Amino acid sequence: MNRTEKVDLVESLHQTFSETAVVVVTRQVGMTVAEVEQLRATMREAGTGYKVTKNRLARLALKGTQYEGLEPLFTGPTAIATSPDPVAAAKASVEFANKNDKFSIVAGAIGSSMLSAAEVKTLSQLPSIDELRAKLAGLLQAPLSRLVGVLPAPAEKLARVMPAPGAKVARVFAARGQQG
């Protein structure tokens, strides 16, 4: 990799760190090509970026971003998972780590808040932004659908309580007929 490529990579990583909601630092040791391809596919499906990068270049890219505190973690064979959804990168990383012993989570960060590996696992158990949006939409629709169901009810109850006008007249004539 020549100097120009390194500068471009640092700029690209810096932009990624500046725009992402979460960074998960991972370690992969001894993974086969097939396992790495499976890992990348898992990350893509989750809408998560995944990049193996040189530690020195990653530390340079972190400077001036909210994730600067992750700098000491970039030692050994590290890679980063990033996502605009704070839960997606954690979910995808934890899901793959549970299936593959050669892949582990080192730590993570949401903004300037550093997360331990255990906290990243806890974060992965939260619902994603899309799931939260669906739940919120359901909660907003539920009262409306109940209201629509309740609105006709008073009219139905009133109709059941009050007899039909023809029935009342028939009862009156029937009562008079019995008397006379």
Protein backbone atom coordinates (compact mmCIF):
# COMPACT_ATOMS: atom_id res chain seq x y z
CA MET A 1 0.00 0.00 0.00
CA ASN A 2 1.58 3.28 -1.07
CA ARG A 3 1.39 6.58 0.81
CA THR A 4 -1.52 7.95 -1.25
CA GLU A 5 -3.60 4.84 -0.61
CA LYS A 6 -2.88 5.10 3.11
CA VAL A 7 -3.95 8.75 3.19
CA ASP A 8 -7.16 7.87 1.33
CA LEU A 9 -7.85 5.00 3.73
CA VAL A 10 -7.31 7.21 6.80
CA GLU A 11 -9.65 9.86 5.35
CA SER A 12 -12.28 7.22 4.55
CA LEU A 13 -12.05 5.71 8.05
CA HIS A 14 -12.18 9.18 9.64
CA GLN A 15 -15.36 9.95 7.70
CA THR A 16 -16.84 6.58 8.76
CA PHE A 17 -16.04 7.28 12.42
CA SER A 18 -17.54 10.77 12.12
CA GLU A 19 -20.83 9.56 10.61
CA THR A 20 -21.54 6.31 12.47
CA ALA A 21 -23.68 5.85 15.58
CA VAL A 22 -21.76 2.88 16.97
CA VAL A 23 -18.35 1.23 16.60
CA VAL A 24 -17.69 -2.34 17.70
CA VAL A 25 -14.03 -3.38 17.83
CA THR A 26 -13.59 -7.08 17.12
CA ARG A 27 -10.78 -9.58 16.93
CA GLN A 28 -10.59 -12.44 14.48
CA VAL A 29 -7.83 -14.98 14.86
CA GLY A 30 -7.43 -18.00 12.61
CA MET A 31 -10.62 -17.61 10.61
CA THR A 32 -10.80 -19.27 7.22
CA VAL A 33 -11.71 -17.38 4.05
CA ALA A 34 -15.14 -19.02 4.06
CA GLU A 35 -15.73 -17.91 7.67
CA VAL A 36 -14.69 -14.35 6.86
CA GLU A 37 -17.03 -14.32 3.85
CA GLN A 38 -19.85 -15.60 6.07
CA LEU A 39 -19.03 -12.86 8.62
CA ARG A 40 -19.13 -10.16 5.94
CA ALA A 41 -22.46 -11.52 4.64
CA THR A 42 -23.91 -11.44 8.17
CA MET A 43 -22.77 -7.85 8.60
CA ARG A 44 -24.16 -6.80 5.18
CA GLU A 45 -27.56 -8.37 5.96
CA ALA A 46 -27.69 -6.39 9.20
CA GLY A 47 -26.89 -3.14 7.37
CA THR A 48 -23.55 -2.92 9.12
CA GLY A 49 -20.17 -1.96 7.75
CA TYR A 50 -17.26 -4.24 8.57
CA LYS A 51 -13.62 -3.44 7.90
CA VAL A 52 -10.32 -5.06 8.73
CA THR A 53 -7.75 -2.29 8.88
CA LYS A 54 -4.20 -1.62 9.91
CA ASN A 55 -4.12 -0.57 13.56
CA ARG A 56 -1.80 2.39 13.01
CA LEU A 57 -4.06 3.78 10.27
CA ALA A 58 -7.19 3.21 12.37
CA ARG A 59 -5.62 5.09 15.31
CA LEU A 60 -4.81 8.00 12.98
CA ALA A 61 -8.39 8.00 11.66
CA LEU A 62 -9.83 8.06 15.19
CA LYS A 63 -8.14 11.37 16.02
CA GLY A 64 -10.64 14.21 16.19
CA THR A 65 -13.70 11.94 16.30
CA GLN A 66 -16.00 11.04 19.17
CA TYR A 67 -14.48 7.53 19.17
CA GLU A 68 -10.96 8.67 20.02
CA GLY A 69 -11.15 6.71 23.29
CA LEU A 70 -11.03 3.43 21.33
CA GLU A 71 -7.45 4.12 20.25
CA PRO A 72 -5.71 1.80 22.79
CA LEU A 73 -7.85 -1.15 21.65
CA PHE A 74 -6.25 -1.29 18.21
CA THR A 75 -3.56 -3.88 18.85
CA GLY A 76 -3.30 -7.29 17.24
CA PRO A 77 -5.69 -8.54 14.55
CA THR A 78 -8.59 -6.10 14.95
CA ALA A 79 -11.50 -5.08 12.77
CA ILE A 80 -14.39 -2.67 13.19
CA ALA A 81 -18.13 -2.99 12.72
CA THR A 82 -19.97 0.30 12.25
CA SER A 83 -23.61 1.17 11.82
CA PRO A 84 -25.98 4.14 11.79
CA ASP A 85 -28.33 1.97 13.91
CA PRO A 86 -26.74 1.70 17.39
CA VAL A 87 -27.99 -1.86 17.85
CA ALA A 88 -27.38 -3.41 14.40
CA ALA A 89 -23.58 -3.64 14.61
CA ALA A 90 -23.72 -5.06 18.13
CA LYS A 91 -26.39 -7.62 17.17
CA ALA A 92 -24.55 -8.82 14.08
CA SER A 93 -21.21 -9.03 15.92
CA VAL A 94 -22.62 -10.90 18.92
CA GLU A 95 -24.62 -13.23 16.68
CA PHE A 96 -21.49 -14.19 14.73
CA ALA A 97 -19.32 -14.43 17.88
CA ASN A 98 -21.82 -16.92 19.34
CA LYS A 99 -21.45 -19.13 16.25
CA ASN A 100 -17.68 -18.85 15.80
CA ASP A 101 -15.04 -19.17 18.55
CA LYS A 102 -12.36 -17.52 16.39
CA PHE A 103 -14.25 -14.23 16.39
CA SER A 104 -14.56 -12.14 19.55
CA ILE A 105 -15.76 -8.72 20.61
CA VAL A 106 -13.11 -6.54 22.23
CA ALA A 107 -15.21 -3.46 23.08
CA GLY A 108 -17.33 -0.78 21.50
CA ALA A 109 -18.55 2.76 21.74
CA ILE A 110 -21.69 4.77 21.19
CA GLY A 111 -20.53 8.31 20.65
CA SER A 112 -18.03 9.15 23.35
CA SER A 113 -19.41 6.45 25.68
CA MET A 114 -17.11 3.45 25.78
CA LEU A 115 -18.64 -0.01 26.10
CA SER A 116 -17.04 -3.19 27.40
CA ALA A 117 -17.56 -6.48 25.56
CA ALA A 118 -20.30 -7.38 28.07
CA GLU A 119 -22.04 -4.05 27.46
CA VAL A 120 -21.90 -4.64 23.71
CA LYS A 121 -23.60 -8.00 24.29
CA THR A 122 -26.27 -6.29 26.41
CA LEU A 123 -26.75 -3.66 23.69
CA SER A 124 -27.30 -6.44 21.15
CA GLN A 125 -30.33 -7.65 23.11
CA LEU A 126 -32.17 -4.36 22.65
CA PRO A 127 -34.61 -3.98 19.77
CA SER A 128 -33.27 -2.31 16.64
CA ILE A 129 -34.48 1.07 15.44
CA ASP A 130 -36.76 -0.61 12.88
CA GLU A 131 -38.27 -2.84 15.57
CA LEU A 132 -38.83 0.18 17.82
CA ARG A 133 -40.48 2.08 14.98
CA ALA A 134 -42.82 -0.86 14.34
CA LYS A 135 -43.72 -1.06 18.04
CA LEU A 136 -44.33 2.67 18.19
CA ALA A 137 -46.56 2.54 15.12
CA GLY A 138 -48.50 -0.33 16.71
CA LEU A 139 -48.91 1.61 19.94
CA LEU A 140 -50.14 4.65 18.07
CA GLN A 141 -52.61 2.60 16.01
CA ALA A 142 -54.02 0.59 18.92
CA PRO A 143 -56.02 3.42 20.56
CA LEU A 144 -57.41 4.47 17.19
CA SER A 145 -58.57 0.97 16.34
CA ARG A 146 -60.16 0.62 19.80
CA LEU A 147 -61.91 3.95 19.33
CA VAL A 148 -63.29 2.85 15.97
CA GLY A 149 -64.54 -0.34 17.61
CA VAL A 150 -66.19 1.51 20.50
CA LEU A 151 -67.91 4.30 18.55
CA PRO A 152 -70.79 2.19 17.15
CA ALA A 153 -71.34 0.40 20.47
CA PRO A 154 -73.59 3.01 22.18
CA ALA A 155 -75.98 3.06 19.21
CA GLU A 156 -76.18 -0.76 19.23
CA LYS A 157 -76.92 -0.83 22.97
CA LEU A 158 -79.60 1.82 22.59
CA ALA A 159 -81.24 -0.17 19.78
CA ARG A 160 -81.27 -3.30 21.93
CA VAL A 161 -82.81 -1.54 24.95
CA MET A 162 -85.54 0.28 23.11
CA PRO A 163 -88.07 -1.94 21.37
CA ALA A 164 -89.03 -1.29 17.79
CA PRO A 165 -91.94 1.23 17.41
CA GLY A 166 -94.19 -1.33 15.72
CA ALA A 167 -93.69 -3.79 18.58
CA LYS A 168 -94.88 -1.26 21.15
CA VAL A 169 -98.04 -0.48 19.19
CA ALA A 170 -98.79 -4.18 18.83
CA ARG A 171 -98.42 -4.68 22.58
CA VAL A 172 -100.76 -1.77 23.29
CA PHE A 173 -103.47 -3.19 20.97
CA ALA A 174 -102.96 -6.65 22.39
CA ALA A 175 -103.42 -5.34 25.93
CA ARG A 176 -106.61 -3.43 24.95
CA GLY A 177 -107.98 -6.44 23.16
CA GLN A 178 -107.65 -8.54 26.28
CA GLN A 179 -109.47 -5.97 28.41
CA GLY A 180 -112.42 -5.35 26.15
